[in-house]
């Protein structure tokens, strides 16, 4: 049986640019160089995103990565996304926010109960 999620690898055109987006949106994002010059690691909420240089998906689909946040972080991230010029889609009575990175990957911010 798996013990935990180790990492999520995402293929992106420019790993450093993608890492910068996460660092701009999430106060607690930790960015580190990966192995070699072809990838970058971004730690968010205890999960490592491995950003690998390559040709990303041509289109979006229903796949996405969701992060649980409290209401204050939700509002702060939404503002940072808008400031970065990243379009956001609010859902479920404004308790969920969806956004795309530069490479057709979709992310969700989901307000946790009591947050």
N, C-alpha and C. Protein backbone atom coordinates (compact mmCIF):
# COMPACT_ATOMS: atom_id res chain seq x y z
N UNK A 1 0.84 -1.19 0.00
CA UNK A 1 0.00 0.00 0.00
C UNK A 1 0.88 1.25 0.00
N UNK A 2 0.50 2.24 -0.80
CA UNK A 2 1.23 3.51 -0.74
C UNK A 2 1.09 4.15 0.64
N UNK A 3 2.12 4.81 1.08
CA UNK A 3 2.10 5.48 2.38
C UNK A 3 1.65 6.93 2.27
N UNK A 4 1.95 7.57 1.13
CA UNK A 4 1.56 8.96 0.92
C UNK A 4 1.82 9.33 -0.54
N UNK A 5 1.37 10.50 -0.90
CA UNK A 5 1.66 11.05 -2.22
C UNK A 5 3.07 11.61 -2.17
N UNK A 6 3.93 11.19 -3.08
CA UNK A 6 5.32 11.65 -3.08
C UNK A 6 5.47 12.95 -3.87
N UNK A 7 4.97 12.97 -5.11
CA UNK A 7 5.06 14.18 -5.92
C UNK A 7 4.09 14.09 -7.09
N UNK A 8 3.86 15.22 -7.73
CA UNK A 8 3.08 15.30 -8.95
C UNK A 8 3.98 15.95 -9.98
N UNK A 9 4.18 15.29 -11.11
CA UNK A 9 5.02 15.84 -12.18
C UNK A 9 4.12 16.49 -13.23
N UNK A 10 4.47 17.72 -13.59
CA UNK A 10 3.75 18.45 -14.62
C UNK A 10 4.74 18.86 -15.70
N UNK A 11 4.40 18.60 -16.95
CA UNK A 11 5.25 19.00 -18.06
C UNK A 11 4.87 20.44 -18.44
N UNK A 12 5.87 21.31 -18.43
CA UNK A 12 5.66 22.74 -18.71
C UNK A 12 6.74 23.22 -19.67
N UNK A 13 6.44 24.30 -20.38
CA UNK A 13 7.42 24.85 -21.32
C UNK A 13 8.61 25.48 -20.59
N UNK A 14 8.31 26.26 -19.54
CA UNK A 14 9.36 26.98 -18.82
C UNK A 14 9.19 26.74 -17.31
N UNK A 15 9.90 25.75 -16.76
CA UNK A 15 9.75 25.44 -15.34
C UNK A 15 9.92 26.64 -14.41
N UNK A 16 10.90 27.48 -14.65
CA UNK A 16 11.13 28.62 -13.76
C UNK A 16 9.95 29.59 -13.80
N UNK A 17 9.39 29.82 -14.97
CA UNK A 17 8.24 30.72 -15.11
C UNK A 17 7.03 30.15 -14.36
N UNK A 18 6.79 28.87 -14.52
CA UNK A 18 5.67 28.22 -13.82
C UNK A 18 5.88 28.27 -12.31
N UNK A 19 7.11 28.02 -11.86
CA UNK A 19 7.41 28.07 -10.44
C UNK A 19 7.17 29.48 -9.89
N UNK A 20 7.53 30.49 -10.67
CA UNK A 20 7.31 31.87 -10.25
C UNK A 20 5.83 32.16 -10.05
N UNK A 21 4.98 31.61 -10.92
CA UNK A 21 3.53 31.80 -10.76
C UNK A 21 3.07 31.25 -9.42
N UNK A 22 3.48 30.04 -9.09
CA UNK A 22 3.08 29.45 -7.80
C UNK A 22 3.62 30.27 -6.63
N UNK A 23 4.85 30.75 -6.74
CA UNK A 23 5.43 31.56 -5.67
C UNK A 23 4.70 32.89 -5.53
N UNK A 24 4.20 33.41 -6.63
CA UNK A 24 3.47 34.68 -6.59
C UNK A 24 2.08 34.50 -5.98
N UNK A 25 1.45 33.37 -6.22
CA UNK A 25 0.08 33.14 -5.76
C UNK A 25 0.03 32.62 -4.33
N UNK A 26 0.95 31.74 -3.96
CA UNK A 26 0.93 31.11 -2.64
C UNK A 26 2.09 31.61 -1.79
N UNK A 27 1.77 32.25 -0.67
CA UNK A 27 2.80 32.79 0.23
C UNK A 27 3.78 31.71 0.71
N UNK A 28 3.29 30.50 0.91
CA UNK A 28 4.14 29.47 1.50
C UNK A 28 4.79 28.55 0.47
N UNK A 29 4.72 28.90 -0.82
CA UNK A 29 5.36 28.07 -1.85
C UNK A 29 6.87 28.09 -1.64
N UNK A 30 7.47 26.93 -1.72
CA UNK A 30 8.93 26.82 -1.62
C UNK A 30 9.44 26.28 -2.96
N UNK A 31 10.28 27.05 -3.61
CA UNK A 31 10.81 26.69 -4.93
C UNK A 31 12.26 26.25 -4.77
N UNK A 32 12.58 25.11 -5.38
CA UNK A 32 13.95 24.57 -5.33
C UNK A 32 14.34 24.06 -6.71
N UNK A 33 15.62 24.11 -7.03
CA UNK A 33 16.05 23.51 -8.30
C UNK A 33 15.90 21.99 -8.21
N UNK A 34 15.57 21.39 -9.32
CA UNK A 34 15.47 19.94 -9.37
C UNK A 34 16.79 19.34 -9.78
N UNK A 35 16.75 18.10 -10.20
CA UNK A 35 17.96 17.42 -10.66
C UNK A 35 18.25 17.85 -12.09
N UNK A 36 19.42 18.36 -12.34
CA UNK A 36 19.76 18.84 -13.67
C UNK A 36 19.13 20.20 -13.91
N UNK A 37 19.15 20.63 -15.14
CA UNK A 37 18.61 21.96 -15.45
C UNK A 37 17.25 21.89 -16.14
N UNK A 38 16.63 20.73 -16.10
CA UNK A 38 15.38 20.55 -16.84
C UNK A 38 14.13 20.59 -15.97
N UNK A 39 14.27 20.69 -14.68
CA UNK A 39 13.08 20.73 -13.84
C UNK A 39 13.27 21.62 -12.63
N UNK A 40 12.15 21.93 -12.01
CA UNK A 40 12.11 22.77 -10.82
C UNK A 40 11.10 22.14 -9.87
N UNK A 41 11.37 22.20 -8.58
CA UNK A 41 10.47 21.66 -7.58
C UNK A 41 9.74 22.81 -6.89
N UNK A 42 8.44 22.64 -6.71
CA UNK A 42 7.63 23.60 -5.98
C UNK A 42 6.88 22.83 -4.90
N UNK A 43 7.08 23.23 -3.66
CA UNK A 43 6.39 22.60 -2.53
C UNK A 43 5.21 23.46 -2.14
N UNK A 44 4.01 22.86 -2.15
CA UNK A 44 2.77 23.54 -1.76
C UNK A 44 1.98 22.61 -0.85
N UNK A 45 1.67 23.06 0.33
CA UNK A 45 0.84 22.27 1.23
C UNK A 45 1.36 20.87 1.47
N UNK A 46 2.67 20.71 1.52
CA UNK A 46 3.26 19.40 1.76
C UNK A 46 3.35 18.52 0.54
N UNK A 47 2.95 19.02 -0.62
CA UNK A 47 3.01 18.25 -1.87
C UNK A 47 4.07 18.87 -2.77
N UNK A 48 4.88 18.04 -3.37
CA UNK A 48 5.92 18.50 -4.28
C UNK A 48 5.41 18.43 -5.71
N UNK A 49 5.40 19.57 -6.40
CA UNK A 49 5.12 19.61 -7.83
C UNK A 49 6.47 19.63 -8.54
N UNK A 50 6.71 18.64 -9.38
CA UNK A 50 7.94 18.60 -10.16
C UNK A 50 7.60 19.16 -11.53
N UNK A 51 8.16 20.32 -11.83
CA UNK A 51 7.90 20.98 -13.10
C UNK A 51 8.99 20.58 -14.07
N UNK A 52 8.62 19.79 -15.08
CA UNK A 52 9.57 19.21 -16.01
C UNK A 52 9.46 19.93 -17.35
N UNK A 53 10.59 20.36 -17.90
CA UNK A 53 10.60 21.04 -19.19
C UNK A 53 10.19 20.07 -20.30
N UNK A 54 9.24 20.50 -21.11
CA UNK A 54 8.79 19.69 -22.23
C UNK A 54 7.59 20.34 -22.89
N UNK A 55 6.93 19.59 -23.74
CA UNK A 55 5.74 20.08 -24.43
C UNK A 55 4.51 19.71 -23.61
N UNK A 56 3.84 20.73 -23.06
CA UNK A 56 2.69 20.47 -22.18
C UNK A 56 1.47 20.00 -22.96
N UNK A 57 0.40 19.65 -22.26
CA UNK A 57 -0.83 19.23 -22.94
C UNK A 57 -1.32 20.34 -23.88
N UNK A 58 -1.85 19.94 -25.02
CA UNK A 58 -2.33 20.91 -26.01
C UNK A 58 -3.62 21.59 -25.56
N UNK A 59 -4.42 20.88 -24.77
CA UNK A 59 -5.69 21.43 -24.31
C UNK A 59 -5.93 21.04 -22.86
N UNK A 60 -6.88 21.74 -22.24
CA UNK A 60 -7.30 21.39 -20.88
C UNK A 60 -8.31 20.24 -20.97
N UNK A 61 -8.43 19.52 -19.87
CA UNK A 61 -9.49 18.52 -19.75
C UNK A 61 -10.00 18.60 -18.32
N UNK A 62 -10.69 17.62 -17.84
CA UNK A 62 -11.26 17.67 -16.50
C UNK A 62 -10.26 17.40 -15.39
N UNK A 63 -9.04 17.00 -15.74
CA UNK A 63 -8.03 16.74 -14.72
C UNK A 63 -7.64 18.04 -14.04
N UNK A 64 -7.48 18.00 -12.72
CA UNK A 64 -7.01 19.17 -12.00
C UNK A 64 -6.45 18.75 -10.65
N UNK A 65 -5.72 19.68 -10.05
CA UNK A 65 -5.15 19.48 -8.72
C UNK A 65 -5.83 20.48 -7.80
N UNK A 66 -6.38 20.01 -6.69
CA UNK A 66 -7.11 20.88 -5.76
C UNK A 66 -6.34 21.02 -4.46
N UNK A 67 -6.25 22.26 -3.98
CA UNK A 67 -5.63 22.57 -2.70
C UNK A 67 -6.69 23.09 -1.74
N UNK A 68 -6.71 22.58 -0.52
CA UNK A 68 -7.61 23.06 0.52
C UNK A 68 -7.00 24.31 1.14
N UNK A 69 -7.81 25.36 1.26
CA UNK A 69 -7.35 26.62 1.86
C UNK A 69 -8.46 27.14 2.78
N UNK A 70 -8.08 28.04 3.69
CA UNK A 70 -9.10 28.69 4.50
C UNK A 70 -9.62 29.92 3.74
N UNK A 71 -10.66 30.54 4.27
CA UNK A 71 -11.30 31.66 3.57
C UNK A 71 -10.35 32.83 3.34
N UNK A 72 -9.51 33.13 4.31
CA UNK A 72 -8.59 34.25 4.16
C UNK A 72 -7.57 33.97 3.06
N UNK A 73 -7.02 32.77 3.03
CA UNK A 73 -6.05 32.41 1.99
C UNK A 73 -6.73 32.37 0.62
N UNK A 74 -7.95 31.89 0.59
CA UNK A 74 -8.74 31.84 -0.65
C UNK A 74 -8.83 33.25 -1.25
N UNK A 75 -9.23 34.21 -0.44
CA UNK A 75 -9.38 35.59 -0.91
C UNK A 75 -8.04 36.18 -1.33
N UNK A 76 -7.00 35.91 -0.56
CA UNK A 76 -5.67 36.44 -0.88
C UNK A 76 -5.15 35.85 -2.19
N UNK A 77 -5.32 34.55 -2.38
CA UNK A 77 -4.86 33.91 -3.62
C UNK A 77 -5.64 34.43 -4.82
N UNK A 78 -6.94 34.62 -4.65
CA UNK A 78 -7.76 35.14 -5.75
C UNK A 78 -7.25 36.52 -6.17
N UNK A 79 -6.92 37.35 -5.20
CA UNK A 79 -6.41 38.69 -5.51
C UNK A 79 -5.05 38.61 -6.20
N UNK A 80 -4.19 37.72 -5.73
CA UNK A 80 -2.87 37.57 -6.35
C UNK A 80 -2.98 37.05 -7.78
N UNK A 81 -3.91 36.14 -8.02
CA UNK A 81 -4.13 35.64 -9.38
C UNK A 81 -4.59 36.77 -10.29
N UNK A 82 -5.54 37.56 -9.83
CA UNK A 82 -6.02 38.69 -10.64
C UNK A 82 -4.88 39.66 -10.94
N UNK A 83 -4.06 39.96 -9.92
CA UNK A 83 -2.93 40.87 -10.09
C UNK A 83 -1.92 40.33 -11.10
N UNK A 84 -1.81 39.00 -11.18
CA UNK A 84 -0.90 38.37 -12.13
C UNK A 84 -1.52 38.24 -13.52
N UNK A 85 -2.78 38.66 -13.66
CA UNK A 85 -3.45 38.56 -14.95
C UNK A 85 -3.93 37.16 -15.29
N UNK A 86 -4.10 36.32 -14.27
CA UNK A 86 -4.56 34.94 -14.46
C UNK A 86 -6.07 34.90 -14.22
N UNK A 87 -6.81 34.43 -15.21
CA UNK A 87 -8.26 34.34 -15.09
C UNK A 87 -8.65 33.29 -14.06
N UNK A 88 -9.70 33.59 -13.29
CA UNK A 88 -10.20 32.69 -12.26
C UNK A 88 -11.68 32.42 -12.53
N UNK A 89 -12.11 31.23 -12.21
CA UNK A 89 -13.52 30.88 -12.30
C UNK A 89 -13.97 30.48 -10.90
N UNK A 90 -14.92 31.23 -10.35
CA UNK A 90 -15.48 30.90 -9.04
C UNK A 90 -16.57 29.85 -9.23
N UNK A 91 -16.71 28.96 -8.27
CA UNK A 91 -17.70 27.90 -8.34
C UNK A 91 -18.23 27.59 -6.95
N UNK A 92 -19.29 26.80 -6.90
CA UNK A 92 -19.89 26.33 -5.64
C UNK A 92 -20.11 27.47 -4.65
N UNK A 93 -20.81 28.50 -5.09
CA UNK A 93 -21.13 29.60 -4.19
C UNK A 93 -19.90 30.33 -3.71
N UNK A 94 -18.93 30.48 -4.57
CA UNK A 94 -17.68 31.17 -4.25
C UNK A 94 -16.87 30.48 -3.16
N UNK A 95 -16.97 29.16 -3.07
CA UNK A 95 -16.14 28.43 -2.13
C UNK A 95 -15.08 27.61 -2.86
N UNK A 96 -15.06 27.72 -4.18
CA UNK A 96 -14.04 27.06 -4.99
C UNK A 96 -13.61 28.02 -6.09
N UNK A 97 -12.35 27.97 -6.43
CA UNK A 97 -11.80 28.82 -7.47
C UNK A 97 -10.93 27.96 -8.36
N UNK A 98 -11.12 28.07 -9.66
CA UNK A 98 -10.32 27.33 -10.63
C UNK A 98 -9.46 28.31 -11.42
N UNK A 99 -8.23 27.91 -11.70
CA UNK A 99 -7.37 28.70 -12.56
C UNK A 99 -6.43 27.77 -13.33
N UNK A 100 -5.96 28.28 -14.46
CA UNK A 100 -5.02 27.54 -15.30
C UNK A 100 -3.64 28.15 -15.15
N UNK A 101 -2.63 27.31 -15.29
CA UNK A 101 -1.28 27.86 -15.38
C UNK A 101 -1.02 28.21 -16.84
N UNK A 102 0.21 28.45 -17.19
CA UNK A 102 0.55 28.85 -18.55
C UNK A 102 0.53 27.69 -19.54
N UNK A 103 0.35 26.46 -19.03
CA UNK A 103 0.51 25.27 -19.85
C UNK A 103 -0.69 24.32 -19.84
N UNK A 104 -1.88 24.87 -19.63
CA UNK A 104 -3.14 24.11 -19.66
C UNK A 104 -3.34 23.15 -18.49
N UNK A 105 -2.63 23.34 -17.40
CA UNK A 105 -2.91 22.58 -16.19
C UNK A 105 -3.91 23.37 -15.37
N UNK A 106 -4.88 22.67 -14.80
CA UNK A 106 -5.94 23.33 -14.05
C UNK A 106 -5.74 23.06 -12.55
N UNK A 107 -5.93 24.11 -11.75
CA UNK A 107 -5.81 24.02 -10.31
C UNK A 107 -7.07 24.56 -9.66
N UNK A 108 -7.38 24.00 -8.52
CA UNK A 108 -8.56 24.44 -7.76
C UNK A 108 -8.13 24.83 -6.36
N UNK A 109 -8.70 25.90 -5.86
CA UNK A 109 -8.60 26.25 -4.44
C UNK A 109 -9.96 25.98 -3.84
N UNK A 110 -10.00 25.19 -2.81
CA UNK A 110 -11.26 24.76 -2.20
C UNK A 110 -11.26 25.19 -0.74
N UNK A 111 -12.25 26.01 -0.36
CA UNK A 111 -12.34 26.47 1.02
C UNK A 111 -12.74 25.30 1.91
N UNK A 112 -11.92 25.05 2.95
CA UNK A 112 -12.21 23.98 3.89
C UNK A 112 -13.20 24.49 4.92
N UNK A 113 -14.06 23.60 5.39
CA UNK A 113 -15.05 23.96 6.41
C UNK A 113 -14.36 24.48 7.66
N UNK A 114 -14.93 25.52 8.23
CA UNK A 114 -14.37 26.09 9.43
C UNK A 114 -13.19 27.01 9.20
N UNK A 115 -12.81 27.16 7.91
CA UNK A 115 -11.65 27.98 7.59
C UNK A 115 -11.98 29.42 7.34
